[in-house]
Amino acid sequence: MFLELLAIATVVIAAFLAFGWGGRDEQLAAIGFLAATLATRLIQANYTHIEMSVLAVDFGLLLGLLALALTSDRFWPMYAAAFQLLALLVHVGSLTEQGNYAWAYAVALIFWSYAVIAALLAGTWLEGRSRRLAGL
């Protein structure tokens, strides 16, 4: 329960920072992260097998991040999309598993989700810094 609250708090804080100091790209990504987090929390996943509904949420977020990366003039959306693709590959890899690796499956998904959030935070920091330097 504590780790779930920590994950939700991390996403909410990243979104708050993106809306406070980020630009349009950071805000769009934050909306996507919040929507994906909410959708994932509504799913009753136990991670004992591949979670198709979580896979669908992760795929939707990947499509959004890819669209952002292709239209943005910033570099961080490419990293976020790449990290999200790695999270999607965790789902694909779990299709081939023969044993019970629920813990590894869940931890790998969590790991890459934090990497995606870190990319957003880096982008927000850089955008805020460039605005401060420009005097905006």
C-alpha atoms as a PDB file:
ATOM      1  CA  MET A   1       0.000   0.000   0.000  1.00  0.00           C
ATOM      2  CA  PHE A   2       2.838   2.405   0.837  1.00  0.00           C
ATOM      3  CA  LEU A   3       4.537   1.808  -2.506  1.00  0.00           C
ATOM      4  CA  GLU A   4       1.281   2.466  -4.367  1.00  0.00           C
ATOM      5  CA  LEU A   5       0.859   5.758  -2.551  1.00  0.00           C
ATOM      6  CA  LEU A   6       4.465   6.643  -3.309  1.00  0.00           C
ATOM      7  CA  ALA A   7       3.931   5.940  -7.015  1.00  0.00           C
ATOM      8  CA  ILE A   8       0.758   8.025  -7.135  1.00  0.00           C
ATOM      9  CA  ALA A   9       2.437  10.857  -5.222  1.00  0.00           C
ATOM     10  CA  THR A  10       5.371  10.789  -7.643  1.00  0.00           C
ATOM     11  CA  VAL A  11       3.090  11.140 -10.661  1.00  0.00           C
ATOM     12  CA  VAL A  12       1.029  13.889  -9.028  1.00  0.00           C
ATOM     13  CA  ILE A  13       4.152  15.843  -8.009  1.00  0.00           C
ATOM     14  CA  ALA A  14       5.639  15.474 -11.508  1.00  0.00           C
ATOM     15  CA  ALA A  15       2.351  16.700 -13.020  1.00  0.00           C
ATOM     16  CA  PHE A  16       2.188  19.610 -10.579  1.00  0.00           C
ATOM     17  CA  LEU A  17       5.734  20.633 -11.523  1.00  0.00           C
ATOM     18  CA  ALA A  18       4.974  20.238 -15.240  1.00  0.00           C
ATOM     19  CA  PHE A  19       1.954  22.513 -14.973  1.00  0.00           C
ATOM     20  CA  GLY A  20       3.839  25.030 -12.849  1.00  0.00           C
ATOM     21  CA  TRP A  21       7.130  25.276 -14.720  1.00  0.00           C
ATOM     22  CA  GLY A  22       6.806  23.256 -17.912  1.00  0.00           C
ATOM     23  CA  GLY A  23       5.634  24.188 -21.349  1.00  0.00           C
ATOM     24  CA  ARG A  24       2.911  22.726 -23.520  1.00  0.00           C
ATOM     25  CA  ASP A  25       4.807  19.463 -24.142  1.00  0.00           C
ATOM     26  CA  GLU A  26       5.416  18.845 -20.454  1.00  0.00           C
ATOM     27  CA  GLN A  27       1.788  19.588 -19.642  1.00  0.00           C
ATOM     28  CA  LEU A  28       0.502  17.224 -22.348  1.00  0.00           C
ATOM     29  CA  ALA A  29       2.765  14.466 -21.065  1.00  0.00           C
ATOM     30  CA  ALA A  30       1.615  15.108 -17.495  1.00  0.00           C
ATOM     31  CA  ILE A  31      -2.019  14.737 -18.583  1.00  0.00           C
ATOM     32  CA  GLY A  32      -1.122  11.455 -20.269  1.00  0.00           C
ATOM     33  CA  PHE A  33       0.694  10.195 -17.173  1.00  0.00           C
ATOM     34  CA  LEU A  34      -2.189  11.131 -14.896  1.00  0.00           C
ATOM     35  CA  ALA A  35      -4.703   9.434 -17.198  1.00  0.00           C
ATOM     36  CA  ALA A  36      -2.555   6.292 -17.478  1.00  0.00           C
ATOM     37  CA  THR A  37      -2.042   6.179 -13.708  1.00  0.00           C
ATOM     38  CA  LEU A  38      -5.757   6.546 -13.048  1.00  0.00           C
ATOM     39  CA  ALA A  39      -6.639   3.896 -15.632  1.00  0.00           C
ATOM     40  CA  THR A  40      -4.062   1.486 -14.220  1.00  0.00           C
ATOM     41  CA  ARG A  41      -5.309   2.019 -10.657  1.00  0.00           C
ATOM     42  CA  LEU A  42      -8.880   1.248 -11.748  1.00  0.00           C
ATOM     43  CA  ILE A  43      -7.735  -2.116 -13.112  1.00  0.00           C
ATOM     44  CA  GLN A  44      -7.639  -4.959 -10.608  1.00  0.00           C
ATOM     45  CA  ALA A  45      -4.288  -6.384 -11.691  1.00  0.00           C
ATOM     46  CA  ASN A  46      -2.528  -9.121  -9.764  1.00  0.00           C
ATOM     47  CA  TYR A  47       0.415  -9.524 -12.187  1.00  0.00           C
ATOM     48  CA  THR A  48       0.409 -13.334 -11.984  1.00  0.00           C
ATOM     49  CA  HIS A  49       0.094 -13.417 -15.775  1.00  0.00           C
ATOM     50  CA  ILE A  50       0.239 -10.828 -18.533  1.00  0.00           C
ATOM     51  CA  GLU A  51      -2.210  -8.064 -17.779  1.00  0.00           C
ATOM     52  CA  MET A  52      -3.844  -7.237 -21.102  1.00  0.00           C
ATOM     53  CA  SER A  53      -5.674  -4.214 -19.712  1.00  0.00           C
ATOM     54  CA  VAL A  54      -2.443  -2.745 -18.293  1.00  0.00           C
ATOM     55  CA  LEU A  55      -0.783  -3.556 -21.621  1.00  0.00           C
ATOM     56  CA  ALA A  56      -3.510  -1.552 -23.390  1.00  0.00           C
ATOM     57  CA  VAL A  57      -2.979   1.426 -21.066  1.00  0.00           C
ATOM     58  CA  ASP A  58       0.788   1.275 -21.574  1.00  0.00           C
ATOM     59  CA  PHE A  59       0.340   1.023 -25.344  1.00  0.00           C
ATOM     60  CA  GLY A  60      -1.949   4.059 -25.343  1.00  0.00           C
ATOM     61  CA  LEU A  61       0.600   6.037 -23.350  1.00  0.00           C
ATOM     62  CA  LEU A  62       3.334   4.932 -25.771  1.00  0.00           C
ATOM     63  CA  LEU A  63       1.299   6.208 -28.729  1.00  0.00           C
ATOM     64  CA  GLY A  64       0.795   9.546 -26.997  1.00  0.00           C
ATOM     65  CA  LEU A  65       4.478   9.863 -26.155  1.00  0.00           C
ATOM     66  CA  LEU A  66       5.473   8.922 -29.703  1.00  0.00           C
ATOM     67  CA  ALA A  67       3.156  11.600 -31.096  1.00  0.00           C
ATOM     68  CA  LEU A  68       4.657  14.093 -28.672  1.00  0.00           C
ATOM     69  CA  ALA A  69       8.216  13.058 -29.563  1.00  0.00           C
ATOM     70  CA  LEU A  70       7.531  13.444 -33.280  1.00  0.00           C
ATOM     71  CA  THR A  71       6.035  16.920 -32.927  1.00  0.00           C
ATOM     72  CA  SER A  72       8.146  18.373 -30.128  1.00  0.00           C
ATOM     73  CA  ASP A  73      11.255  20.491 -30.479  1.00  0.00           C
ATOM     74  CA  ARG A  74      12.567  19.066 -27.198  1.00  0.00           C
ATOM     75  CA  PHE A  75      14.656  15.942 -26.694  1.00  0.00           C
ATOM     76  CA  TRP A  76      13.099  14.487 -23.529  1.00  0.00           C
ATOM     77  CA  PRO A  77       9.928  13.092 -25.202  1.00  0.00           C
ATOM     78  CA  MET A  78      12.154  10.745 -27.222  1.00  0.00           C
ATOM     79  CA  TYR A  79      13.623   9.369 -24.007  1.00  0.00           C
ATOM     80  CA  ALA A  80      10.183   9.087 -22.416  1.00  0.00           C
ATOM     81  CA  ALA A  81       8.842   7.220 -25.462  1.00  0.00           C
ATOM     82  CA  ALA A  82      11.877   4.910 -25.463  1.00  0.00           C
ATOM     83  CA  PHE A  83      11.432   4.111 -21.773  1.00  0.00           C
ATOM     84  CA  GLN A  84       7.722   3.498 -22.345  1.00  0.00           C
ATOM     85  CA  LEU A  85       8.575   1.157 -25.222  1.00  0.00           C
ATOM     86  CA  LEU A  86      10.809  -0.795 -22.839  1.00  0.00           C
ATOM     87  CA  ALA A  87       7.886  -1.056 -20.408  1.00  0.00           C
ATOM     88  CA  LEU A  88       5.762  -2.409 -23.248  1.00  0.00           C
ATOM     89  CA  LEU A  89       8.459  -4.953 -24.044  1.00  0.00           C
ATOM     90  CA  VAL A  90       8.210  -6.210 -20.454  1.00  0.00           C
ATOM     91  CA  HIS A  91       4.628  -7.201 -21.257  1.00  0.00           C
ATOM     92  CA  VAL A  92       5.758  -8.933 -24.451  1.00  0.00           C
ATOM     93  CA  GLY A  93       8.545 -10.720 -22.597  1.00  0.00           C
ATOM     94  CA  SER A  94       6.110 -11.971 -19.983  1.00  0.00           C
ATOM     95  CA  LEU A  95       4.114 -13.662 -22.740  1.00  0.00           C
ATOM     96  CA  THR A  96       6.994 -16.120 -23.109  1.00  0.00           C
ATOM     97  CA  GLU A  97       7.514 -16.856 -19.422  1.00  0.00           C
ATOM     98  CA  GLN A  98       7.036 -20.404 -18.235  1.00  0.00           C
ATOM     99  CA  GLY A  99       7.261 -19.902 -14.478  1.00  0.00           C
ATOM    100  CA  ASN A 100       5.689 -17.677 -11.894  1.00  0.00           C
ATOM    101  CA  TYR A 101       7.551 -14.389 -12.147  1.00  0.00           C
ATOM    102  CA  ALA A 102       4.819 -12.024 -10.986  1.00  0.00           C
ATOM    103  CA  TRP A 103       7.194 -10.059  -8.780  1.00  0.00           C
ATOM    104  CA  ALA A 104       9.729  -9.531 -11.576  1.00  0.00           C
ATOM    105  CA  TYR A 105       6.952  -8.566 -14.003  1.00  0.00           C
ATOM    106  CA  ALA A 106       5.532  -5.936 -11.650  1.00  0.00           C
ATOM    107  CA  VAL A 107       8.943  -4.563 -10.629  1.00  0.00           C
ATOM    108  CA  ALA A 108      10.071  -4.221 -14.256  1.00  0.00           C
ATOM    109  CA  LEU A 109       6.917  -2.274 -15.117  1.00  0.00           C
ATOM    110  CA  ILE A 110       7.403  -0.020 -12.107  1.00  0.00           C
ATOM    111  CA  PHE A 111      11.073   0.549 -12.939  1.00  0.00           C
ATOM    112  CA  TRP A 112      10.380   1.770 -16.471  1.00  0.00           C
ATOM    113  CA  SER A 113       7.448   3.919 -15.350  1.00  0.00           C
ATOM    114  CA  TYR A 114       9.795   5.813 -13.030  1.00  0.00           C
ATOM    115  CA  ALA A 115      12.229   6.274 -15.921  1.00  0.00           C
ATOM    116  CA  VAL A 116       9.434   7.822 -18.002  1.00  0.00           C
ATOM    117  CA  ILE A 117       8.549  10.174 -15.145  1.00  0.00           C
ATOM    118  CA  ALA A 118      12.227  11.069 -14.740  1.00  0.00           C
ATOM    119  CA  ALA A 119      12.307  12.100 -18.408  1.00  0.00           C
ATOM    120  CA  LEU A 120       9.319  14.389 -17.793  1.00  0.00           C
ATOM    121  CA  LEU A 121      10.973  15.884 -14.718  1.00  0.00           C
ATOM    122  CA  ALA A 122      14.178  16.519 -16.664  1.00  0.00           C
ATOM    123  CA  GLY A 123      12.203  18.178 -19.448  1.00  0.00           C
ATOM    124  CA  THR A 124      10.280  20.297 -16.955  1.00  0.00           C
ATOM    125  CA  TRP A 125      13.466  21.392 -15.231  1.00  0.00           C
ATOM    126  CA  LEU A 126      15.137  22.305 -18.532  1.00  0.00           C
ATOM    127  CA  GLU A 127      12.072  24.195 -19.763  1.00  0.00           C
ATOM    128  CA  GLY A 128      11.767  26.091 -16.483  1.00  0.00           C
ATOM    129  CA  ARG A 129      15.474  26.908 -16.545  1.00  0.00           C
ATOM    130  CA  SER A 130      15.371  28.203 -20.117  1.00  0.00           C
ATOM    131  CA  ARG A 131      12.351  30.361 -19.253  1.00  0.00           C
ATOM    132  CA  ARG A 132      14.154  31.816 -16.239  1.00  0.00           C
ATOM    133  CA  LEU A 133      17.260  32.534 -18.336  1.00  0.00           C
ATOM    134  CA  ALA A 134      15.099  34.195 -20.993  1.00  0.00           C
ATOM    135  CA  GLY A 135      13.435  36.307 -18.317  1.00  0.00           C
ATOM    136  CA  LEU A 136       9.945  34.900 -18.914  1.00  0.00           C
END
